[in-house]
Every structure is written in structure tokens, then in C-alpha cells.
Amino acid sequence: MSFLKRLFGGGGSSEPEAPGKAKPVKEIEHKGFVVAATPYKADGQYQTCGVISKEIDGVVKEHRFIRADRFAGLDDAVDITLKKGVQLIDEQGERMFN
């Protein structure tokens, strides 16, 4: 029965959506920035994908990133996405929004 529900659009899915439409799976704060992990399913694995945001002069700026890393498990993809986001913040800071 669950197969039919999925086939005809019934019921929800816990799978991450495609990039650009994904809701954050987990968020952390780092040095005034927010890193949101938004991995998505690609070819049976989870693609590393996230959004870094910060409010600057009353305007929320965002930087979206996707990396080639893929993982079998969602938890691994989330952990690595958050680490990559922190790394970007440490390396580039607010310059990433230019």
C-alpha cells in the first residue's frame, strides 16, 4: 500500500529534496554565521550541499555550496556539510558574499 501512496503522491517523504528546494536538516552557528546542511539524494547517495548565511547591515546574505562528496548515509553527509561550511567561513569570512 505504501508503494501506491508514493506512486500517486500520497504520504510524505523524509528524503531531502533537490538542491535549491531542500529544507535544512541541521543548522549550526559559527562566528556569527549560520551553516545549514541541505544534502540531497543523487544516484542513491547523499550529495554534500549547504547554505551559509549572515545578516550584514540589516540584509541577510547567503552563499550556497555543493561539493562532489557523496555518502551512503544522511548523517555522514550532514556532518561533512557542516564541517565544509565552517571551513569556508574560516577561510573566506564575509568575502564569500562578494
PDB file of N, CA and C in Angstrom:
ATOM      1  N   MET A   1       0.812  -1.188   0.000  1.00  0.00           N
ATOM      2  CA  MET A   1       0.000   0.000   0.000  1.00  0.00           C
ATOM      3  C   MET A   1       0.860   1.257   0.000  1.00  0.00           C
ATOM      4  N   SER A   2       1.968   1.272   0.735  1.00  0.00           N
ATOM      5  CA  SER A   2       2.809   2.467   0.772  1.00  0.00           C
ATOM      6  C   SER A   2       3.403   2.761  -0.603  1.00  0.00           C
ATOM      7  N   PHE A   3       3.667   1.708  -1.394  1.00  0.00           N
ATOM      8  CA  PHE A   3       4.156   1.912  -2.756  1.00  0.00           C
ATOM      9  C   PHE A   3       3.141   2.708  -3.566  1.00  0.00           C
ATOM     10  N   LEU A   4       1.877   2.349  -3.455  1.00  0.00           N
ATOM     11  CA  LEU A   4       0.834   3.056  -4.197  1.00  0.00           C
ATOM     12  C   LEU A   4       0.689   4.503  -3.732  1.00  0.00           C
ATOM     13  N   LYS A   5       0.818   4.732  -2.428  1.00  0.00           N
ATOM     14  CA  LYS A   5       0.742   6.102  -1.918  1.00  0.00           C
ATOM     15  C   LYS A   5       1.848   6.958  -2.505  1.00  0.00           C
ATOM     16  N   ARG A   6       3.063   6.417  -2.513  1.00  0.00           N
ATOM     17  CA  ARG A   6       4.184   7.172  -3.084  1.00  0.00           C
ATOM     18  C   ARG A   6       4.008   7.374  -4.577  1.00  0.00           C
ATOM     19  N   LEU A   7       3.507   6.361  -5.261  1.00  0.00           N
ATOM     20  CA  LEU A   7       3.317   6.437  -6.701  1.00  0.00           C
ATOM     21  C   LEU A   7       2.332   7.533  -7.084  1.00  0.00           C
ATOM     22  N   PHE A   8       1.267   7.676  -6.307  1.00  0.00           N
ATOM     23  CA  PHE A   8       0.228   8.647  -6.630  1.00  0.00           C
ATOM     24  C   PHE A   8       0.285   9.904  -5.771  1.00  0.00           C
ATOM     25  N   GLY A   9       1.413  10.133  -5.092  1.00  0.00           N
ATOM     26  CA  GLY A   9       1.620  11.375  -4.363  1.00  0.00           C
ATOM     27  C   GLY A   9       1.101  11.399  -2.951  1.00  0.00           C
ATOM     28  N   GLY A  10       0.625  10.306  -2.420  1.00  0.00           N
ATOM     29  CA  GLY A  10       0.127  10.282  -1.050  1.00  0.00           C
ATOM     30  C   GLY A  10       1.251  10.126  -0.063  1.00  0.00           C
ATOM     31  N   GLY A  11       1.067  10.637   1.130  1.00  0.00           N
ATOM     32  CA  GLY A  11       2.074  10.484   2.176  1.00  0.00           C
ATOM     33  C   GLY A  11       3.265  11.386   1.936  1.00  0.00           C
ATOM     34  N   GLY A  12       4.007  11.614   2.982  1.00  0.00           N
ATOM     35  CA  GLY A  12       5.180  12.473   2.876  1.00  0.00           C
ATOM     36  C   GLY A  12       6.437  11.647   2.719  1.00  0.00           C
ATOM     37  N   SER A  13       7.489  12.327   2.342  1.00  0.00           N
ATOM     38  CA  SER A  13       8.782  11.681   2.188  1.00  0.00           C
ATOM     39  C   SER A  13       9.769  12.325   3.144  1.00  0.00           C
ATOM     40  N   SER A  14      10.591  11.525   3.782  1.00  0.00           N
ATOM     41  CA  SER A  14      11.608  12.071   4.671  1.00  0.00           C
ATOM     42  C   SER A  14      12.920  12.306   3.934  1.00  0.00           C
ATOM     43  N   GLU A  15      12.962  12.010   2.657  1.00  0.00           N
ATOM     44  CA  GLU A  15      14.170  12.197   1.865  1.00  0.00           C
ATOM     45  C   GLU A  15      14.398  13.675   1.581  1.00  0.00           C
ATOM     46  N   PRO A  16      15.655  14.147   1.615  1.00  0.00           N
ATOM     47  CA  PRO A  16      15.942  15.521   1.253  1.00  0.00           C
ATOM     48  C   PRO A  16      15.544  15.794  -0.194  1.00  0.00           C
ATOM     49  N   GLU A  17      15.150  17.032  -0.448  1.00  0.00           N
ATOM     50  CA  GLU A  17      14.740  17.416  -1.794  1.00  0.00           C
ATOM     51  C   GLU A  17      15.953  17.815  -2.616  1.00  0.00           C
ATOM     52  N   ALA A  18      15.723  18.114  -3.889  1.00  0.00           N
ATOM     53  CA  ALA A  18      16.784  18.531  -4.798  1.00  0.00           C
ATOM     54  C   ALA A  18      17.384  19.855  -4.337  1.00  0.00           C
ATOM     55  N   PRO A  19      18.627  20.176  -4.772  1.00  0.00           N
ATOM     56  CA  PRO A  19      19.262  21.419  -4.349  1.00  0.00           C
ATOM     57  C   PRO A  19      18.413  22.626  -4.739  1.00  0.00           C
ATOM     58  N   GLY A  20      18.420  23.636  -3.875  1.00  0.00           N
ATOM     59  CA  GLY A  20      17.632  24.822  -4.126  1.00  0.00           C
ATOM     60  C   GLY A  20      16.245  24.753  -3.521  1.00  0.00           C
ATOM     61  N   LYS A  21      15.758  23.544  -3.242  1.00  0.00           N
ATOM     62  CA  LYS A  21      14.437  23.361  -2.665  1.00  0.00           C
ATOM     63  C   LYS A  21      14.510  22.692  -1.292  1.00  0.00           C
ATOM     64  N   ALA A  22      15.682  22.259  -0.929  1.00  0.00           N
ATOM     65  CA  ALA A  22      15.832  21.474   0.303  1.00  0.00           C
ATOM     66  C   ALA A  22      15.671  22.329   1.553  1.00  0.00           C
ATOM     67  N   LYS A  23      15.056  21.739   2.549  1.00  0.00           N
ATOM     68  CA  LYS A  23      14.952  22.361   3.865  1.00  0.00           C
ATOM     69  C   LYS A  23      16.164  21.902   4.671  1.00  0.00           C
ATOM     70  N   PRO A  24      16.681  22.775   5.536  1.00  0.00           N
ATOM     71  CA  PRO A  24      17.856  22.370   6.326  1.00  0.00           C
ATOM     72  C   PRO A  24      17.578  21.146   7.189  1.00  0.00           C
ATOM     73  N   VAL A  25      18.526  20.213   7.166  1.00  0.00           N
ATOM     74  CA  VAL A  25      18.442  19.029   8.010  1.00  0.00           C
ATOM     75  C   VAL A  25      18.963  19.385   9.403  1.00  0.00           C
ATOM     76  N   LYS A  26      19.997  20.237   9.439  1.00  0.00           N
ATOM     77  CA  LYS A  26      20.599  20.669  10.704  1.00  0.00           C
ATOM     78  C   LYS A  26      21.283  22.007  10.472  1.00  0.00           C
ATOM     79  N   GLU A  27      21.274  22.859  11.490  1.00  0.00           N
ATOM     80  CA  GLU A  27      21.940  24.158  11.412  1.00  0.00           C
ATOM     81  C   GLU A  27      22.851  24.341  12.618  1.00  0.00           C
ATOM     82  N   ILE A  28      23.969  25.061  12.377  1.00  0.00           N
ATOM     83  CA  ILE A  28      24.847  25.444  13.483  1.00  0.00           C
ATOM     84  C   ILE A  28      25.225  26.904  13.292  1.00  0.00           C
ATOM     85  N   GLU A  29      25.707  27.531  14.380  1.00  0.00           N
ATOM     86  CA  GLU A  29      26.203  28.898  14.325  1.00  0.00           C
ATOM     87  C   GLU A  29      27.713  28.845  14.483  1.00  0.00           C
ATOM     88  N   HIS A  30      28.423  29.666  13.686  1.00  0.00           N
ATOM     89  CA  HIS A  30      29.883  29.723  13.767  1.00  0.00           C
ATOM     90  C   HIS A  30      30.330  31.135  13.433  1.00  0.00           C
ATOM     91  N   LYS A  31      30.932  31.809  14.402  1.00  0.00           N
ATOM     92  CA  LYS A  31      31.467  33.160  14.228  1.00  0.00           C
ATOM     93  C   LYS A  31      30.431  34.146  13.685  1.00  0.00           C
ATOM     94  N   GLY A  32      29.194  34.023  14.106  1.00  0.00           N
ATOM     95  CA  GLY A  32      28.140  34.932  13.662  1.00  0.00           C
ATOM     96  C   GLY A  32      27.456  34.523  12.370  1.00  0.00           C
ATOM     97  N   PHE A  33      27.918  33.461  11.745  1.00  0.00           N
ATOM     98  CA  PHE A  33      27.311  32.915  10.533  1.00  0.00           C
ATOM     99  C   PHE A  33      26.418  31.740  10.927  1.00  0.00           C
ATOM    100  N   VAL A  34      25.464  31.400  10.092  1.00  0.00           N
ATOM    101  CA  VAL A  34      24.659  30.189  10.265  1.00  0.00           C
ATOM    102  C   VAL A  34      24.985  29.257   9.106  1.00  0.00           C
ATOM    103  N   VAL A  35      25.343  28.024   9.429  1.00  0.00           N
ATOM    104  CA  VAL A  35      25.608  26.997   8.418  1.00  0.00           C
ATOM    105  C   VAL A  35      24.443  26.025   8.461  1.00  0.00           C
ATOM    106  N   ALA A  36      23.760  25.870   7.334  1.00  0.00           N
ATOM    107  CA  ALA A  36      22.627  24.952   7.234  1.00  0.00           C
ATOM    108  C   ALA A  36      22.990  23.817   6.287  1.00  0.00           C
ATOM    109  N   ALA A  37      22.900  22.593   6.776  1.00  0.00           N
ATOM    110  CA  ALA A  37      23.164  21.411   5.951  1.00  0.00           C
ATOM    111  C   ALA A  37      21.889  21.058   5.181  1.00  0.00           C
ATOM    112  N   THR A  38      22.009  21.005   3.848  1.00  0.00           N
ATOM    113  CA  THR A  38      20.869  20.677   2.987  1.00  0.00           C
ATOM    114  C   THR A  38      21.239  19.605   1.968  1.00  0.00           C
ATOM    115  N   PRO A  39      21.808  18.469   2.425  1.00  0.00           N
ATOM    116  CA  PRO A  39      22.190  17.424   1.471  1.00  0.00           C
ATOM    117  C   PRO A  39      20.962  16.888   0.738  1.00  0.00           C
ATOM    118  N   TYR A  40      21.182  16.389  -0.466  1.00  0.00           N
ATOM    119  CA  TYR A  40      20.088  15.846  -1.276  1.00  0.00           C
ATOM    120  C   TYR A  40      20.510  14.517  -1.865  1.00  0.00           C
ATOM    121  N   LYS A  41      19.535  13.727  -2.242  1.00  0.00           N
ATOM    122  CA  LYS A  41      19.793  12.394  -2.782  1.00  0.00           C
ATOM    123  C   LYS A  41      20.161  12.507  -4.267  1.00  0.00           C
ATOM    124  N   ALA A  42      21.265  11.875  -4.630  1.00  0.00           N
ATOM    125  CA  ALA A  42      21.732  11.864  -6.016  1.00  0.00           C
ATOM    126  C   ALA A  42      22.335  10.501  -6.305  1.00  0.00           C
ATOM    127  N   ASP A  43      21.774   9.805  -7.263  1.00  0.00           N
ATOM    128  CA  ASP A  43      22.279   8.484  -7.653  1.00  0.00           C
ATOM    129  C   ASP A  43      22.387   7.528  -6.459  1.00  0.00           C
ATOM    130  N   GLY A  44      21.403   7.565  -5.582  1.00  0.00           N
ATOM    131  CA  GLY A  44      21.354   6.644  -4.463  1.00  0.00           C
ATOM    132  C   GLY A  44      22.221   7.020  -3.278  1.00  0.00           C
ATOM    133  N   GLN A  45      22.893   8.176  -3.355  1.00  0.00           N
ATOM    134  CA  GLN A  45      23.721   8.641  -2.244  1.00  0.00           C
ATOM    135  C   GLN A  45      23.336  10.072  -1.901  1.00  0.00           C
ATOM    136  N   TYR A  46      23.877  10.581  -0.799  1.00  0.00           N
ATOM    137  CA  TYR A  46      23.586  11.941  -0.370  1.00  0.00           C
ATOM    138  C   TYR A  46      24.726  12.878  -0.765  1.00  0.00           C
ATOM    139  N   GLN A  47      24.403  13.911  -1.514  1.00  0.00           N
ATOM    140  CA  GLN A  47      25.358  14.893  -2.009  1.00  0.00           C
ATOM    141  C   GLN A  47      25.583  15.965  -0.945  1.00  0.00           C
ATOM    142  N   THR A  48      26.840  16.338  -0.728  1.00  0.00           N
ATOM    143  CA  THR A  48      27.179  17.408   0.204  1.00  0.00           C
ATOM    144  C   THR A  48      26.680  18.734  -0.341  1.00  0.00           C
ATOM    145  N   CYS A  49      25.822  19.415   0.429  1.00  0.00           N
ATOM    146  CA  CYS A  49      25.212  20.658  -0.023  1.00  0.00           C
ATOM    147  C   CYS A  49      24.801  21.463   1.200  1.00  0.00           C
ATOM    148  N   GLY A  50      25.005  22.785   1.158  1.00  0.00           N
ATOM    149  CA  GLY A  50      24.632  23.604   2.293  1.00  0.00           C
ATOM    150  C   GLY A  50      24.490  25.072   1.946  1.00  0.00           C
ATOM    151  N   VAL A  51      24.072  25.845   2.950  1.00  0.00           N
ATOM    152  CA  VAL A  51      23.889  27.281   2.806  1.00  0.00           C
ATOM    153  C   VAL A  51      24.532  27.952   4.015  1.00  0.00           C
ATOM    154  N   ILE A  52      25.338  28.979   3.735  1.00  0.00           N
ATOM    155  CA  ILE A  52      25.923  29.806   4.790  1.00  0.00           C
ATOM    156  C   ILE A  52      25.228  31.150   4.716  1.00  0.00           C
ATOM    157  N   SER A  53      24.764  31.653   5.861  1.00  0.00           N
ATOM    158  CA  SER A  53      24.081  32.945   5.855  1.00  0.00           C
ATOM    159  C   SER A  53      24.548  33.804   7.018  1.00  0.00           C
ATOM    160  N   LYS A  54      24.392  35.122   6.824  1.00  0.00           N
ATOM    161  CA  LYS A  54      24.729  36.080   7.877  1.00  0.00           C
ATOM    162  C   LYS A  54      24.000  37.373   7.573  1.00  0.00           C
ATOM    163  N   GLU A  55      23.514  38.015   8.626  1.00  0.00           N
ATOM    164  CA  GLU A  55      22.886  39.323   8.460  1.00  0.00           C
ATOM    165  C   GLU A  55      23.972  40.383   8.499  1.00  0.00           C
ATOM    166  N   ILE A  56      24.031  41.176   7.426  1.00  0.00           N
ATOM    167  CA  ILE A  56      25.019  42.244   7.304  1.00  0.00           C
ATOM    168  C   ILE A  56      24.267  43.526   6.966  1.00  0.00           C
ATOM    169  N   ASP A  57      24.405  44.540   7.831  1.00  0.00           N
ATOM    170  CA  ASP A  57      23.715  45.826   7.641  1.00  0.00           C
ATOM    171  C   ASP A  57      22.216  45.642   7.421  1.00  0.00           C
ATOM    172  N   GLY A  58      21.602  44.740   8.169  1.00  0.00           N
ATOM    173  CA  GLY A  58      20.161  44.524   8.094  1.00  0.00           C
ATOM    174  C   GLY A  58      19.688  43.667   6.934  1.00  0.00           C
ATOM    175  N   VAL A  59      20.625  43.155   6.127  1.00  0.00           N
ATOM    176  CA  VAL A  59      20.280  42.321   4.976  1.00  0.00           C
ATOM    177  C   VAL A  59      20.886  40.933   5.180  1.00  0.00           C
ATOM    178  N   VAL A  60      20.073  39.891   5.001  1.00  0.00           N
ATOM    179  CA  VAL A  60      20.578  38.526   5.129  1.00  0.00           C
ATOM    180  C   VAL A  60      21.236  38.118   3.812  1.00  0.00           C
ATOM    181  N   LYS A  61      22.515  37.817   3.903  1.00  0.00           N
ATOM    182  CA  LYS A  61      23.289  37.365   2.741  1.00  0.00           C
ATOM    183  C   LYS A  61      23.410  35.854   2.818  1.00  0.00           C
ATOM    184  N   GLU A  62      23.379  35.187   1.655  1.00  0.00           N
ATOM    185  CA  GLU A  62      23.507  33.727   1.599  1.00  0.00           C
ATOM    186  C   GLU A  62      24.555  33.307   0.583  1.00  0.00           C
ATOM    187  N   HIS A  63      25.242  32.252   0.914  1.00  0.00           N
ATOM    188  CA  HIS A  63      26.190  31.615  -0.002  1.00  0.00           C
ATOM    189  C   HIS A  63      25.852  30.130  -0.035  1.00  0.00           C
ATOM    190  N   ARG A  64      25.440  29.624  -1.185  1.00  0.00           N
ATOM    191  CA  ARG A  64      25.110  28.207  -1.337  1.00  0.00           C
ATOM    192  C   ARG A  64      26.341  27.472  -1.873  1.00  0.00           C
ATOM    193  N   PHE A  65      26.549  26.274  -1.361  1.00  0.00           N
ATOM    194  CA  PHE A  65      27.684  25.479  -1.840  1.00  0.00           C
ATOM    195  C   PHE A  65      27.288  24.022  -2.008  1.00  0.00           C
ATOM    196  N   ILE A  66      27.875  23.410  -3.020  1.00  0.00           N
ATOM    197  CA  ILE A  66      27.714  21.983  -3.297  1.00  0.00           C
ATOM    198  C   ILE A  66      29.115  21.431  -3.516  1.00  0.00           C
ATOM    199  N   ARG A  67      29.390  20.293  -2.936  1.00  0.00           N
ATOM    200  CA  ARG A  67      30.679  19.645  -3.109  1.00  0.00           C
ATOM    201  C   ARG A  67      30.469  18.282  -3.755  1.00  0.00           C
ATOM    202  N   ALA A  68      31.531  17.742  -4.306  1.00  0.00           N
ATOM    203  CA  ALA A  68      31.461  16.461  -5.010  1.00  0.00           C
ATOM    204  C   ALA A  68      31.288  15.276  -4.062  1.00  0.00           C
ATOM    205  N   ASP A  69      31.562  15.484  -2.782  1.00  0.00           N
ATOM    206  CA  ASP A  69      31.482  14.391  -1.802  1.00  0.00           C
ATOM    207  C   ASP A  69      30.080  13.810  -1.742  1.00  0.00           C
ATOM    208  N   ARG A  70      29.999  12.482  -1.767  1.00  0.00           N
ATOM    209  CA  ARG A  70      28.717  11.776  -1.620  1.00  0.00           C
ATOM    210  C   ARG A  70      28.873  10.695  -0.563  1.00  0.00           C
ATOM    211  N   PHE A  71      27.760  10.434   0.137  1.00  0.00           N
ATOM    212  CA  PHE A  71      27.785   9.490   1.249  1.00  0.00           C
ATOM    213  C   PHE A  71      26.569   8.578   1.202  1.00  0.00           C
ATOM    214  N   ALA A  72      26.738   7.370   1.702  1.00  0.00           N
ATOM    215  CA  ALA A  72      25.625   6.423   1.739  1.00  0.00           C
ATOM    216  C   ALA A  72      24.593   6.831   2.781  1.00  0.00           C
ATOM    217  N   GLY A  73      25.041   7.449   3.873  1.00  0.00           N
ATOM    218  CA  GLY A  73      24.137   7.817   4.956  1.00  0.00           C
ATOM    219  C   GLY A  73      23.920   9.315   5.064  1.00  0.00           C
ATOM    220  N   LEU A  74      22.714   9.718   5.416  1.00  0.00           N
ATOM    221  CA  LEU A  74      22.363  11.123   5.568  1.00  0.00           C
ATOM    222  C   LEU A  74      23.174  11.773   6.686  1.00  0.00           C
ATOM    223  N   ASP A  75      23.362  11.089   7.802  1.00  0.00           N
ATOM    224  CA  ASP A  75      24.105  11.660   8.928  1.00  0.00           C
ATOM    225  C   ASP A  75      25.532  12.032   8.544  1.00  0.00           C
ATOM    226  N   ASP A  76      26.189  11.185   7.764  1.00  0.00           N
ATOM    227  CA  ASP A  76      27.551  11.482   7.309  1.00  0.00           C
ATOM    228  C   ASP A  76      27.560  12.712   6.407  1.00  0.00           C
ATOM    229  N   ALA A  77      26.595  12.804   5.506  1.00  0.00           N
ATOM    230  CA  ALA A  77      26.515  13.956   4.599  1.00  0.00           C
ATOM    231  C   ALA A  77      26.285  15.240   5.377  1.00  0.00           C
ATOM    232  N   VAL A  78      25.439  15.197   6.388  1.00  0.00           N
ATOM    233  CA  VAL A  78      25.167  16.375   7.215  1.00  0.00           C
ATOM    234  C   VAL A  78      26.434  16.799   7.958  1.00  0.00           C
ATOM    235  N   ASP A  79      27.122  15.850   8.587  1.00  0.00           N
ATOM    236  CA  ASP A  79      28.343  16.163   9.338  1.00  0.00           C
ATOM    237  C   ASP A  79      29.402  16.816   8.454  1.00  0.00           C
ATOM    238  N   ILE A  80      29.632  16.253   7.286  1.00  0.00           N
ATOM    239  CA  ILE A  80      30.653  16.796   6.392  1.00  0.00           C
ATOM    240  C   ILE A  80      30.221  18.150   5.839  1.00  0.00           C
ATOM    241  N   THR A  81      28.939  18.329   5.531  1.00  0.00           N
ATOM    242  CA  THR A  81      28.441  19.621   5.044  1.00  0.00           C
ATOM    243  C   THR A  81      28.702  20.708   6.078  1.00  0.00           C
ATOM    244  N   LEU A  82      28.415  20.429   7.342  1.00  0.00           N
ATOM    245  CA  LEU A  82      28.643  21.418   8.387  1.00  0.00           C
ATOM    246  C   LEU A  82      30.134  21.731   8.535  1.00  0.00           C
ATOM    247  N   LYS A  83      30.983  20.711   8.444  1.00  0.00           N
ATOM    248  CA  LYS A  83      32.433  20.935   8.523  1.00  0.00           C
ATOM    249  C   LYS A  83      32.934  21.764   7.347  1.00  0.00           C
ATOM    250  N   LYS A  84      32.418  21.496   6.143  1.00  0.00           N
ATOM    251  CA  LYS A  84      32.810  22.278   4.963  1.00  0.00           C
ATOM    252  C   LYS A  84      32.362  23.734   5.108  1.00  0.00           C
ATOM    253  N   GLY A  85      31.164  23.943   5.664  1.00  0.00           N
ATOM    254  CA  GLY A  85      30.677  25.298   5.885  1.00  0.00           C
ATOM    255  C   GLY A  85      31.554  26.067   6.849  1.00  0.00           C
ATOM    256  N   VAL A  86      31.933  25.429   7.949  1.00  0.00           N
ATOM    257  CA  VAL A  86      32.833  26.055   8.926  1.00  0.00           C
ATOM    258  C   VAL A  86      34.175  26.378   8.276  1.00  0.00           C
ATOM    259  N   GLN A  87      34.672  25.466   7.466  1.00  0.00           N
ATOM    260  CA  GLN A  87      35.947  25.679   6.773  1.00  0.00           C
ATOM    261  C   GLN A  87      35.857  26.899   5.843  1.00  0.00           C
ATOM    262  N   LEU A  88      34.766  27.023   5.095  1.00  0.00           N
ATOM    263  CA  LEU A  88      34.580  28.181   4.214  1.00  0.00           C
ATOM    264  C   LEU A  88      34.555  29.487   5.004  1.00  0.00           C
ATOM    265  N   ILE A  89      33.864  29.483   6.137  1.00  0.00           N
ATOM    266  CA  ILE A  89      33.797  30.678   6.980  1.00  0.00           C
ATOM    267  C   ILE A  89      35.192  31.040   7.484  1.00  0.00           C
ATOM    268  N   ASP A  90      35.936  30.053   7.959  1.00  0.00           N
ATOM    269  CA  ASP A  90      37.282  30.310   8.481  1.00  0.00           C
ATOM    270  C   ASP A  90      38.223  30.824   7.401  1.00  0.00           C
ATOM    271  N   GLU A  91      38.062  30.331   6.179  1.00  0.00           N
ATOM    272  CA  GLU A  91      38.952  30.729   5.086  1.00  0.00           C
ATOM    273  C   GLU A  91      38.553  32.059   4.443  1.00  0.00           C
ATOM    274  N   GLN A  92      37.241  32.308   4.279  1.00  0.00           N
ATOM    275  CA  GLN A  92      36.806  33.455   3.491  1.00  0.00           C
ATOM    276  C   GLN A  92      36.058  34.525   4.278  1.00  0.00           C
ATOM    277  N   GLY A  93      35.424  34.151   5.370  1.00  0.00           N
ATOM    278  CA  GLY A  93      34.643  35.125   6.126  1.00  0.00           C
ATOM    279  C   GLY A  93      33.573  35.782   5.248  1.00  0.00           C
ATOM    280  N   GLU A  94      33.347  37.071   5.454  1.00  0.00           N
ATOM    281  CA  GLU A  94      32.317  37.787   4.702  1.00  0.00           C
ATOM    282  C   GLU A  94      32.655  37.973   3.229  1.00  0.00           C
ATOM    283  N   ARG A  95      33.901  37.743   2.829  1.00  0.00           N
ATOM    284  CA  ARG A  95      34.270  37.868   1.406  1.00  0.00           C
ATOM    285  C   ARG A  95      33.481  36.918   0.527  1.00  0.00           C
ATOM    286  N   MET A  96      32.975  35.800   1.081  1.00  0.00           N
ATOM    287  CA  MET A  96      32.244  34.827   0.264  1.00  0.00           C
ATOM    288  C   MET A  96      30.971  35.440  -0.319  1.00  0.00           C
ATOM    289  N   PHE A  97      30.494  36.546   0.245  1.00  0.00           N
ATOM    290  CA  PHE A  97      29.276  37.173  -0.245  1.00  0.00           C
ATOM    291  C   PHE A  97      29.531  38.173  -1.360  1.00  0.00           C
ATOM    292  N   ASN A  98      30.790  38.452  -1.688  1.00  0.00           N
ATOM    293  CA  ASN A  98      31.125  39.404  -2.768  1.00  0.00           C
ATOM    294  C   ASN A  98      30.975  38.781  -4.132  1.00  0.00           C
TER     295      ASN A  98
END
